[in-house]
Protein backbone atom coordinates (compact mmCIF):
# COMPACT_ATOMS: atom_id res chain seq x y z
CA MET A 1 201.80 106.26 194.96
CA SER A 2 199.17 104.57 197.70
CA GLU A 3 201.74 103.53 200.27
CA PHE A 4 202.58 105.38 203.23
CA TRP A 5 204.75 104.69 206.18
CA LEU A 6 203.51 105.65 209.16
CA ILE A 7 207.35 106.26 211.52
CA SER A 8 208.10 107.36 215.22
CA ALA A 9 211.50 109.07 216.74
CA PRO A 10 211.97 110.08 220.20
CA GLY A 11 210.24 113.59 220.86
CA ASP A 12 213.72 115.41 222.91
CA LYS A 13 215.00 118.31 221.40
CA THR A 14 217.88 116.35 219.19
CA ASN A 15 215.94 114.01 217.25
CA MET A 16 213.45 117.16 216.70
CA GLN A 17 216.47 118.58 215.03
CA ALA A 18 216.85 115.24 213.46
CA TRP A 19 212.83 115.63 212.07
CA GLU A 20 213.57 118.58 210.79
CA ARG A 21 216.72 117.62 208.86
CA MET A 22 214.63 114.97 207.53
CA ASN A 23 211.77 116.92 206.43
CA ALA A 24 214.50 119.22 204.94
CA VAL A 25 216.05 116.38 202.81
CA THR A 26 213.08 115.00 201.81
CA SER A 27 211.55 118.00 200.31
CA LYS A 28 214.39 119.15 198.69
CA SER A 29 214.93 116.18 196.85
CA ASN A 30 211.28 115.35 196.18
CA LEU A 31 211.44 111.96 197.96
CA SER A 32 208.27 111.92 200.16
CA SER A 33 205.24 114.26 201.47
CA ASN A 34 205.52 114.38 205.30
CA SER A 35 202.79 115.19 207.47
CA LYS A 36 202.61 115.00 211.39
CA PHE A 37 200.57 112.29 212.86
CA HIS A 38 198.59 113.08 215.86
CA ILE A 39 198.20 110.70 218.88
CA PRO A 40 196.53 111.61 222.17
CA ASP A 41 198.19 110.74 225.37
CA LEU A 42 196.91 107.36 225.58
CA LYS A 43 197.20 105.13 229.24
CA VAL A 44 200.66 103.39 229.48
CA GLY A 45 199.76 100.38 231.60
CA THR A 46 202.79 97.96 232.77
CA LEU A 47 205.41 97.13 230.32
CA ASP A 48 204.44 93.54 230.38
CA ALA A 49 201.16 94.28 229.30
CA LEU A 50 202.25 96.50 226.55
CA VAL A 51 204.47 93.66 225.46
CA GLY A 52 201.74 91.28 224.99
CA LEU A 53 199.00 93.93 223.68
CA SER A 54 202.11 94.21 220.89
CA ASP A 55 201.42 91.04 219.20
CA GLU A 56 197.45 91.08 219.92
CA LEU A 57 197.27 94.58 217.86
CA GLY A 58 199.84 93.13 215.08
CA LYS A 59 197.34 90.53 214.71
CA LEU A 60 194.53 93.08 214.98
CA ASP A 61 196.08 95.03 212.58
CA SER A 62 195.92 92.18 209.79
CA PHE A 63 192.25 91.21 210.64
CA ALA A 64 191.17 95.21 210.01
CA GLU A 65 193.09 95.46 207.06
CA SER A 66 191.23 92.05 205.79
CA VAL A 67 188.10 93.24 206.43
CA MET A 68 188.30 96.62 205.15
CA LYS A 69 189.66 95.49 201.73
CA LYS A 70 186.77 92.49 202.16
CA ILE A 71 184.23 95.42 202.02
CA ALA A 72 186.40 97.18 198.74
CA GLN A 73 186.43 94.31 196.80
CA TYR A 74 182.39 93.65 197.75
CA ILE A 75 181.37 97.50 196.68
CA GLY A 76 182.49 96.27 193.44
CA GLU A 77 181.21 93.43 192.92
CA VAL A 78 177.56 94.99 193.62
CA LEU A 79 178.59 97.79 191.26
CA GLU A 80 178.60 94.90 188.65
CA ASP A 81 178.87 97.62 185.64
CA SER A 82 179.68 100.68 187.45
CA LYS A 83 182.96 99.04 188.69
CA ASP A 84 184.81 102.49 187.92
CA LYS A 85 182.87 104.47 190.62
CA VAL A 86 183.95 102.17 193.23
CA GLN A 87 186.98 105.08 194.14
CA GLU A 88 184.17 107.39 195.02
CA ASN A 89 182.15 104.90 197.04
CA LEU A 90 185.15 104.33 199.06
CA LEU A 91 185.41 107.18 201.89
CA ALA A 92 186.67 107.61 205.48
CA ASN A 93 184.63 109.72 207.64
CA GLY A 94 182.83 111.64 204.30
CA VAL A 95 186.38 112.35 203.27
CA ASP A 96 188.92 110.54 200.67
CA LEU A 97 190.75 108.07 202.62
CA ILE A 98 194.39 110.25 201.72
CA SER A 99 192.69 113.28 203.51
CA TYR A 100 191.56 111.34 206.64
CA LEU A 101 195.09 109.36 206.81
CA THR A 102 196.70 112.81 206.19
CA ARG A 103 194.87 114.89 209.19
CA PHE A 104 194.05 111.91 211.15
CA GLU A 105 192.61 112.77 214.29
CA TRP A 106 191.96 110.18 217.17
CA ASP A 107 187.98 109.73 217.99
CA MET A 108 187.74 110.43 221.34
CA ALA A 109 184.16 109.65 221.67
CA LYS A 110 184.08 106.21 219.89
CA TYR A 111 187.61 105.26 221.86
CA PRO A 112 187.79 107.28 225.24
CA ILE A 113 191.62 107.76 225.96
CA LYS A 114 190.87 107.25 229.72
CA GLN A 115 190.40 103.58 229.59
CA PRO A 116 193.01 101.20 229.30
CA LEU A 117 195.13 100.19 225.79
CA LYS A 118 193.60 96.55 225.89
CA ASN A 119 190.24 97.99 226.57
CA ILE A 120 190.66 100.08 223.09
CA SER A 121 191.94 96.94 221.56
CA GLU A 122 188.97 95.47 222.42
CA ALA A 123 186.97 97.44 221.47
CA LEU A 124 188.11 98.01 218.09
CA SER A 125 188.30 94.14 217.69
CA LYS A 126 185.06 93.78 218.76
CA GLN A 127 183.99 96.23 215.91
CA VAL A 128 185.01 94.99 213.22
CA THR A 129 184.58 90.97 214.06
CA GLN A 130 180.99 92.49 214.17
CA ILE A 131 181.37 94.57 210.43
CA GLU A 132 182.56 91.11 209.27
CA THR A 133 179.73 88.93 210.57
CA ASP A 134 177.46 91.45 209.34
CA LEU A 135 178.96 91.35 205.79
CA LYS A 136 178.92 87.52 205.25
CA THR A 137 175.10 87.70 206.68
CA ARG A 138 173.89 90.19 203.86
CA SER A 139 176.69 89.06 201.04
CA THR A 140 175.44 85.77 201.47
CA ALA A 141 171.77 86.96 201.66
CA TYR A 142 172.12 89.27 198.01
CA ASN A 143 174.46 86.46 195.83
CA ASN A 144 171.70 84.13 196.79
CA ILE A 145 169.06 86.34 194.80
CA LYS A 146 171.42 87.46 192.21
CA GLY A 147 172.79 83.79 191.78
CA ASN A 148 169.36 82.38 190.94
CA LEU A 149 168.24 85.56 188.70
CA GLN A 150 171.65 85.10 187.09
CA SER A 151 171.04 81.23 186.25
CA LEU A 152 167.05 82.05 185.04
CA GLU A 153 168.24 85.00 182.98
CA LYS A 154 170.84 82.82 181.18
CA LYS A 155 168.12 80.58 180.17
CA THR A 156 167.08 83.61 178.03
CA VAL A 157 169.74 84.16 176.55
CA GLY A 158 171.12 80.94 174.67
CA ASN A 159 170.01 79.75 171.31
CA LEU A 160 166.55 78.45 170.15
CA LEU A 161 167.67 74.83 171.80
CA THR A 162 168.51 75.43 174.92
CA ARG A 163 166.96 78.46 176.05
CA THR A 164 164.15 79.32 178.04
CA LEU A 165 160.33 79.45 175.82
CA ALA A 166 158.62 80.82 178.69
CA ASP A 167 158.61 84.51 177.24
CA ILE A 168 158.08 82.92 173.34
CA VAL A 169 154.77 80.47 173.46
CA HIS A 170 151.56 81.14 174.15
CA LYS A 171 148.61 79.05 174.51
CA GLU A 172 147.43 79.64 170.67
CA ASP A 173 150.48 77.94 169.20
CA PHE A 174 149.48 74.47 170.30
CA VAL A 175 146.93 72.21 170.21
CA LEU A 176 145.95 71.32 173.85
CA ASN A 177 144.11 68.45 175.54
CA SER A 178 143.70 66.25 172.57
CA GLU A 179 143.75 62.46 172.88
CA TYR A 180 145.34 61.76 169.46
CA LEU A 181 146.86 65.00 168.24
CA ILE A 182 149.96 66.74 169.72
CA THR A 183 151.93 70.05 168.86
CA LEU A 184 155.71 69.36 168.31
CA LEU A 185 158.42 72.46 168.59
CA VAL A 186 161.06 72.17 165.81
CA VAL A 187 164.31 73.72 165.73
CA VAL A 188 165.33 74.02 162.00
CA PRO A 189 168.48 76.17 160.96
CA LYS A 190 167.73 78.98 158.76
CA SER A 191 169.08 77.73 155.85
CA SER A 192 166.77 74.51 155.66
CA TYR A 193 163.67 76.97 155.88
CA ILE A 194 162.58 76.13 152.38
CA GLN A 195 163.55 72.21 152.66
CA TRP A 196 161.31 72.24 156.09
CA GLN A 197 157.90 73.71 154.48
CA LYS A 198 158.46 71.30 151.64
CA THR A 199 159.21 68.36 153.72
CA TYR A 200 157.66 68.62 157.23
CA GLU A 201 153.99 67.19 156.34
CA SER A 202 156.02 63.80 154.86
CA LEU A 203 158.80 63.18 157.35
CA SER A 204 156.01 60.73 158.95
CA ASP A 205 152.44 59.59 158.28
CA MET A 206 149.45 61.32 160.07
CA VAL A 207 151.09 65.29 160.00
CA VAL A 208 148.29 67.60 159.90
CA PRO A 209 148.27 69.66 156.62
CA ARG A 210 149.74 73.59 156.85
CA SER A 211 150.16 72.69 160.39
CA THR A 212 153.46 74.64 160.84
CA LYS A 213 154.00 78.33 161.64
CA MET A 214 157.17 80.13 162.55
CA ILE A 215 156.93 81.19 166.32
CA ALA A 216 160.60 82.80 167.21
CA GLU A 217 163.45 83.08 165.42
CA ASP A 218 167.34 84.01 166.29
CA ALA A 219 170.78 84.25 164.53
CA GLU A 220 170.72 80.54 164.01
CA GLY A 221 167.47 79.52 162.77
CA GLY A 222 163.81 79.65 163.48
CA LEU A 223 161.78 77.71 166.30
CA PHE A 224 158.37 75.89 164.29
CA THR A 225 155.31 74.45 165.63
CA VAL A 226 154.01 71.14 163.73
CA THR A 227 150.78 69.16 164.99
CA LEU A 228 150.57 65.72 164.45
CA PHE A 229 149.17 62.15 165.70
CA ARG A 230 150.69 61.04 168.98
CA LYS A 231 151.51 57.51 167.59
CA VAL A 232 153.85 58.45 164.85
CA VAL A 233 155.81 61.46 167.54
CA ASP A 234 158.97 58.68 167.55
CA ASP A 235 158.92 58.18 163.84
CA PHE A 236 158.77 61.90 163.40
CA LYS A 237 161.27 62.71 165.64
CA ALA A 238 163.81 60.43 164.06
CA LYS A 239 163.21 61.67 160.74
CA ALA A 240 163.47 65.31 161.42
CA ARG A 241 166.59 64.13 163.28
CA GLU A 242 167.96 62.75 159.81
CA ASN A 243 167.15 66.28 157.96
CA ARG A 244 168.94 67.88 160.83
CA PHE A 245 165.50 69.14 162.41
CA MET A 246 165.70 69.33 166.34
CA VAL A 247 162.43 68.90 167.82
CA ARG A 248 162.53 70.31 171.61
CA GLU A 249 161.40 68.32 174.14
CA PHE A 250 158.75 70.63 175.35
CA HIS A 251 155.57 70.20 177.19
CA PHE A 252 153.11 73.27 177.17
CA ASP A 253 152.04 74.22 180.95
CA GLU A 254 150.34 77.48 181.25
CA LYS A 255 151.05 77.42 185.09
CA GLU A 256 154.72 76.24 185.22
CA LEU A 257 155.48 79.18 182.32
CA LYS A 258 153.70 81.70 184.40
CA CYS A 259 155.57 80.55 187.64
CA GLU A 260 159.22 81.12 186.04
CA LYS A 261 157.88 84.52 184.76
CA GLU A 262 156.90 85.71 188.14
CA GLU A 263 160.23 83.95 189.83
CA LEU A 264 162.19 86.18 187.58
CA MET A 265 160.07 89.19 187.89
CA LYS A 266 160.21 88.59 191.77
CA LEU A 267 164.22 88.28 191.99
CA ALA A 268 164.80 91.12 189.55
CA SER A 269 162.51 93.18 191.91
CA ASP A 270 163.78 91.74 195.03
CA LYS A 271 167.65 92.36 193.97
CA LYS A 272 166.74 95.79 193.08
CA GLN A 273 164.75 96.46 196.57
CA GLN A 274 167.91 95.24 197.89
CA TYR A 275 170.71 96.88 195.92
CA GLY A 276 170.59 100.78 197.58
CA PRO A 277 170.44 99.57 201.35
CA LEU A 278 173.22 96.97 200.75
CA LEU A 279 175.16 99.76 199.23
CA ARG A 280 174.59 102.32 201.67
CA TRP A 281 175.56 99.46 204.22
CA LEU A 282 178.46 98.65 202.72
CA LYS A 283 179.93 102.51 202.43
CA VAL A 284 179.03 103.04 206.06
CA ASN A 285 180.89 100.18 207.26
CA PHE A 286 184.08 100.49 204.94
CA SER A 287 184.31 103.91 206.48
CA GLU A 288 184.29 102.40 210.33
CA ALA A 289 186.98 99.65 209.39
CA PHE A 290 189.28 101.96 207.76
CA VAL A 291 188.51 104.18 210.68
CA ALA A 292 189.17 101.45 213.29
CA TRP A 293 192.15 100.09 210.94
CA ILE A 294 194.12 103.30 211.12
CA HIS A 295 192.86 104.10 215.16
CA VAL A 296 194.62 100.19 215.29
CA LYS A 297 198.35 101.74 213.44
CA ALA A 298 197.79 104.66 215.75
CA LEU A 299 198.22 102.22 218.85
CA ARG A 300 200.79 100.15 217.26
CA VAL A 301 202.81 103.13 217.11
CA PHE A 302 201.74 104.16 220.50
CA VAL A 303 202.65 100.83 221.83
CA GLU A 304 205.91 100.19 219.87
CA SER A 305 207.18 103.79 220.57
CA VAL A 306 207.09 103.41 224.37
CA LEU A 307 208.88 99.76 224.26
CA ARG A 308 211.54 101.42 221.80
CA TYR A 309 212.32 104.56 223.49
CA GLY A 310 210.81 103.78 226.87
CA LEU A 311 209.15 106.51 229.66
CA PRO A 312 208.43 108.87 230.12
CA VAL A 313 206.25 109.23 226.84
CA ASN A 314 208.31 111.03 224.18
CA PHE A 315 207.52 110.77 220.98
CA GLN A 316 206.76 112.44 217.54
CA ALA A 317 204.97 110.37 214.88
CA MET A 318 204.92 110.96 211.32
CA LEU A 319 203.25 110.02 208.17
CA LEU A 320 205.54 109.67 205.18
CA GLN A 321 204.39 109.17 201.37
CA PRO A 322 207.43 108.08 199.50
CA ASN A 323 207.41 109.21 195.56
CA ARG A 324 207.24 106.01 193.87
CA LYS A 325 210.58 106.60 192.45
CA SER A 326 212.66 107.58 195.53
CA VAL A 327 211.76 104.83 197.83
CA LYS A 328 215.33 103.18 198.49
CA ARG A 329 216.76 106.64 198.34
CA LEU A 330 214.01 107.67 201.03
CA ARG A 331 215.19 104.53 203.02
CA ASP A 332 218.71 105.66 203.02
CA VAL A 333 218.09 109.14 204.50
CA LEU A 334 216.22 108.04 206.84
CA ASN A 335 218.23 105.63 208.58
CA VAL A 336 221.28 107.64 208.17
CA VAL A 337 219.30 110.83 209.77
CA PHE A 338 217.96 108.07 212.66
CA LYS A 339 220.53 105.86 212.59
CA HIS A 340 221.99 106.91 216.41
CA LEU A 341 218.91 105.43 217.65
CA ASP A 342 219.95 101.84 216.86
CA GLU A 343 223.85 101.45 215.86
CA VAL A 344 223.51 97.99 215.41
CA ALA A 345 219.97 97.78 213.61
CA ALA A 346 221.35 100.36 211.13
CA ALA A 347 224.65 99.15 210.23
CA SER A 348 222.33 95.83 209.44
CA ILE A 349 220.58 97.69 206.91
CA MET A 350 222.94 99.67 205.55
CA ASP A 351 224.97 95.93 205.21
CA PRO A 352 222.72 92.90 204.16
CA GLY A 353 225.19 90.85 204.40
CA MET A 354 226.24 91.42 208.45
CA ASP A 355 224.65 88.88 210.91
CA ILE A 356 223.99 90.00 213.98
CA PRO A 357 223.67 87.36 216.92
CA GLY A 358 220.37 87.88 218.62
CA LEU A 359 218.71 90.19 216.15
CA GLN A 360 216.33 87.06 214.46
CA LEU A 361 213.68 89.35 213.13
CA SER A 362 211.88 86.45 211.33
CA ASN A 363 211.94 88.29 207.69
CA GLN A 364 210.13 91.23 209.81
CA GLU A 365 211.13 94.87 208.31
CA TYR A 366 213.16 96.45 211.23
CA TYR A 367 214.63 99.66 211.07
CA PRO A 368 216.38 102.12 213.59
CA TYR A 369 212.61 104.20 213.97
CA VAL A 370 209.15 102.63 214.47
CA TYR A 371 207.59 101.81 211.46
CA PHE A 372 204.53 100.24 209.94
CA LYS A 373 203.41 100.39 206.45
CA ILE A 374 200.24 101.82 205.19
CA ASP A 375 199.24 100.15 201.96
CA LEU A 376 195.89 101.41 200.08
CA SER A 377 197.24 100.66 196.66
CA LEU A 378 195.16 97.52 196.88
CA LEU A 379 191.90 99.80 196.89
CA ASP A 380 192.90 101.57 194.16
CA CYS A 381 190.24 100.51 191.03
CA SER A 382 191.84 102.17 188.23
């Protein structure tokens, strides 16, 4: 299960015994895998500042998560036919996400802890915003190349009535630069090949005898050339249509066909050249965004723990990975173990119908202990 619960409770002797009790119960009943989550001694500042920061961090948490998931989703789009390899590209500091999370260490170099919490929060916000901006720029450029290439490639995969003929026709298939003669291209159903050979010369006057040749074939039919005088083109087209022979509107222009081929090759080359650097950028910045997101979670636990449990700072953070089948049971165990921290909240959880004045949490999850969910399930690309 890719859901984790990041929780905290006071770190005094009584509560450390509660931790041990909780660990014993959850391990014995296989309710969850638990590990300590280490948060350094950050600068507290004033309680007023912490209250304001609490709201800002909530928004930053959602923003960082959304940017990280956008990158993960885009890696899937860029990999196209290799989507099964997405997961191996989603790493944080070179290790898989669960390993990074369960062995979390604060990055002192990136986010020095001697500065105020607000500065750390602003640095994280600036970093994630820059990643999002760069993602938009890079994805737009790559998507334009990919989209133009796909629309050109689509022209090469239709049937002979609709597909491009740039890679099929050759100069020698046509009578060119003649004042009187013109070569037409006609799509003939497979079942009508014999009928075409027998009748094309008589569909109108002035058709050049023995001038037809099949130059391409697909599952439905063949593409035939036929040469005739310009002045009978309309009459020939009408008669051909009556016999289910479709004349393709086509004018042979060597320069135009060459340009179309070159454009296709250029776009394919541009896409190939951009693919490697783009994928590398996505992997690096997914890691950066994920690491930033988990640091935001750590900041939130710190701020909420100080606001909830007071000063001096003394709390223990713990990361729990619930067993999928035991989520409700685990929640009940935690509420029993830590209900002394907030009897009112614990009572409301045990009795959801209980209406407590002043406890308006606007559908927010509230427990006697500090709790934040870390959901990695949307990054599962199974």
